[in-house]
Amino acid sequence: MKHLRAIGIGIIIWIIGVSVYSVSFYIPILENAAQQANTALFIVVMPLVWFGARQYYRKNNKTSGYWVGLTFFLVAATLDALITVPLFIIPNGGSHSEFFTDLGFWIIGLEFLATATMYWCVKLYQRKRIQFLKN
């Protein structure tokens, strides 16, 4: 596994995700701004992780999608613990434990794993099919 590559892509995914989450507070669609922001993040995570996995596997890496997705998620969780919670959650009366025990956080984490794993399966399936058709 190319750790630095996966960590770098994970940082980019986190930056875009936090940006979408923050901007969604300023576009009033739902009455509950926090629920709206979580929904926006949930929607945007799948294409972000799919694109990130595509960038990671561009160099023909053979690492399981599960490990790539887990790396992306752990990078995001670490940056959340170091930056998001202290800058955005704690000033609004929240805490680390409140943030990390929220069901939405873990659903999005599962989405990270599932999306990267699905990308890997699709890529692996296509590679095997192409090799089969060549023979």
Protein backbone atom coordinates (compact mmCIF):
# COMPACT_ATOMS: atom_id res chain seq x y z
CA MET A 1 0.00 0.00 0.00
CA LYS A 2 1.22 3.46 -0.85
CA HIS A 3 0.59 5.07 2.55
CA LEU A 4 1.60 8.64 1.71
CA ARG A 5 -0.51 8.57 -1.44
CA ALA A 6 -3.57 7.32 0.47
CA ILE A 7 -3.03 9.85 3.28
CA GLY A 8 -2.66 12.71 0.81
CA ILE A 9 -5.84 11.75 -1.01
CA GLY A 10 -7.59 11.34 2.36
CA ILE A 11 -6.59 14.89 3.31
CA ILE A 12 -8.03 16.24 0.06
CA ILE A 13 -11.28 14.30 0.64
CA TRP A 14 -11.47 15.72 4.17
CA ILE A 15 -10.87 19.31 3.01
CA ILE A 16 -13.60 19.10 0.38
CA GLY A 17 -15.97 17.34 2.80
CA VAL A 18 -15.50 19.95 5.53
CA SER A 19 -15.95 22.71 2.96
CA VAL A 20 -19.25 21.23 1.73
CA TYR A 21 -20.37 20.69 5.33
CA SER A 22 -19.58 24.32 6.24
CA VAL A 23 -21.10 25.88 3.12
CA SER A 24 -24.32 23.90 3.56
CA PHE A 25 -25.05 25.86 6.74
CA TYR A 26 -25.38 29.03 4.66
CA ILE A 27 -27.88 27.59 2.18
CA PRO A 28 -31.17 27.28 4.06
CA ILE A 29 -33.12 24.32 2.70
CA LEU A 30 -34.11 22.42 5.85
CA GLU A 31 -35.14 23.93 9.16
CA ASN A 32 -32.46 21.98 11.04
CA ALA A 33 -29.12 23.31 9.74
CA ALA A 34 -27.08 20.53 11.40
CA GLN A 35 -29.19 17.82 9.82
CA GLN A 36 -28.91 19.59 6.47
CA ALA A 37 -25.11 19.75 6.77
CA ASN A 38 -24.89 16.05 7.69
CA THR A 39 -27.13 15.17 4.73
CA ALA A 40 -24.98 17.24 2.37
CA LEU A 41 -21.86 15.53 3.68
CA PHE A 42 -23.46 12.10 3.32
CA ILE A 43 -24.36 12.87 -0.30
CA VAL A 44 -20.95 14.22 -1.24
CA VAL A 45 -18.81 11.54 0.48
CA MET A 46 -19.60 8.79 -2.02
CA PRO A 47 -18.40 10.64 -5.13
CA LEU A 48 -15.42 12.07 -3.21
CA VAL A 49 -14.25 8.65 -2.02
CA TRP A 50 -14.95 7.12 -5.45
CA PHE A 51 -12.82 9.82 -7.08
CA GLY A 52 -10.15 9.41 -4.38
CA ALA A 53 -10.04 5.66 -4.94
CA ARG A 54 -9.75 6.22 -8.67
CA GLN A 55 -6.78 8.52 -8.06
CA TYR A 56 -5.21 6.01 -5.68
CA TYR A 57 -5.56 3.07 -8.08
CA ARG A 58 -4.33 5.11 -11.04
CA LYS A 59 -0.84 3.69 -10.36
CA ASN A 60 -2.22 0.12 -10.60
CA ASN A 61 -1.99 -0.60 -6.87
CA LYS A 62 -3.34 -3.95 -5.74
CA THR A 63 -4.28 -3.00 -2.18
CA SER A 64 -7.76 -4.06 -1.10
CA GLY A 65 -10.36 -1.31 -1.30
CA TYR A 66 -11.23 -1.95 2.33
CA TRP A 67 -7.76 -0.84 3.45
CA VAL A 68 -7.79 2.19 1.18
CA GLY A 69 -11.23 3.22 2.48
CA LEU A 70 -10.12 2.62 6.06
CA THR A 71 -7.07 4.82 5.49
CA PHE A 72 -9.23 7.60 4.01
CA PHE A 73 -11.60 7.35 6.98
CA LEU A 74 -8.83 7.30 9.61
CA VAL A 75 -7.25 10.38 8.02
CA ALA A 76 -10.61 12.16 8.11
CA ALA A 77 -11.27 11.09 11.71
CA THR A 78 -7.81 12.25 12.80
CA LEU A 79 -8.25 15.63 11.13
CA ASP A 80 -11.72 15.90 12.66
CA ALA A 81 -10.24 15.26 16.10
CA LEU A 82 -7.42 17.75 15.60
CA ILE A 83 -9.17 20.50 13.64
CA THR A 84 -12.93 20.14 13.16
CA VAL A 85 -13.93 19.45 16.76
CA PRO A 86 -11.74 22.12 18.41
CA LEU A 87 -12.57 24.83 15.86
CA PHE A 88 -16.23 24.16 15.07
CA ILE A 89 -17.81 21.77 17.58
CA ILE A 90 -16.40 22.81 20.97
CA PRO A 91 -17.11 26.55 20.49
CA ASN A 92 -20.75 25.63 19.84
CA GLY A 93 -21.06 23.64 23.06
CA GLY A 94 -20.11 20.20 21.73
CA SER A 95 -17.30 17.85 22.66
CA HIS A 96 -15.06 15.19 21.19
CA SER A 97 -17.13 12.42 22.74
CA GLU A 98 -20.37 13.90 21.42
CA PHE A 99 -18.89 14.19 17.92
CA PHE A 100 -17.39 10.70 17.78
CA THR A 101 -20.38 8.90 19.30
CA ASP A 102 -22.83 10.45 16.83
CA LEU A 103 -24.45 7.81 14.63
CA GLY A 104 -24.04 10.03 11.56
CA PHE A 105 -20.27 10.02 11.98
CA TRP A 106 -20.17 6.22 11.90
CA ILE A 107 -22.60 5.97 8.98
CA ILE A 108 -20.34 8.25 6.98
CA GLY A 109 -17.37 6.14 8.07
CA LEU A 110 -19.14 3.04 6.76
CA GLU A 111 -19.79 4.94 3.55
CA PHE A 112 -16.03 5.56 3.21
CA LEU A 113 -15.30 1.84 3.55
CA ALA A 114 -18.14 0.68 1.31
CA THR A 115 -17.40 3.13 -1.50
CA ALA A 116 -13.67 2.38 -1.66
CA THR A 117 -14.38 -1.36 -1.50
CA MET A 118 -17.00 -1.09 -4.26
CA TYR A 119 -14.55 0.82 -6.44
CA TRP A 120 -11.91 -1.84 -5.90
CA CYS A 121 -14.37 -4.64 -6.72
CA VAL A 122 -15.51 -2.91 -9.91
CA LYS A 123 -11.92 -2.25 -10.95
CA LEU A 124 -10.85 -5.82 -10.17
CA TYR A 125 -13.87 -7.25 -11.99
CA GLN A 126 -13.15 -5.14 -15.08
CA ARG A 127 -9.48 -6.14 -15.09
CA LYS A 128 -10.37 -9.86 -14.88
CA ARG A 129 -12.99 -9.47 -17.62
CA ILE A 130 -10.55 -7.69 -19.93
CA GLN A 131 -7.94 -10.41 -19.34
CA PHE A 132 -10.57 -13.09 -20.04
CA LEU A 133 -11.61 -11.42 -23.28
CA LYS A 134 -7.97 -11.13 -24.42
CA ASN A 135 -7.41 -14.89 -23.97
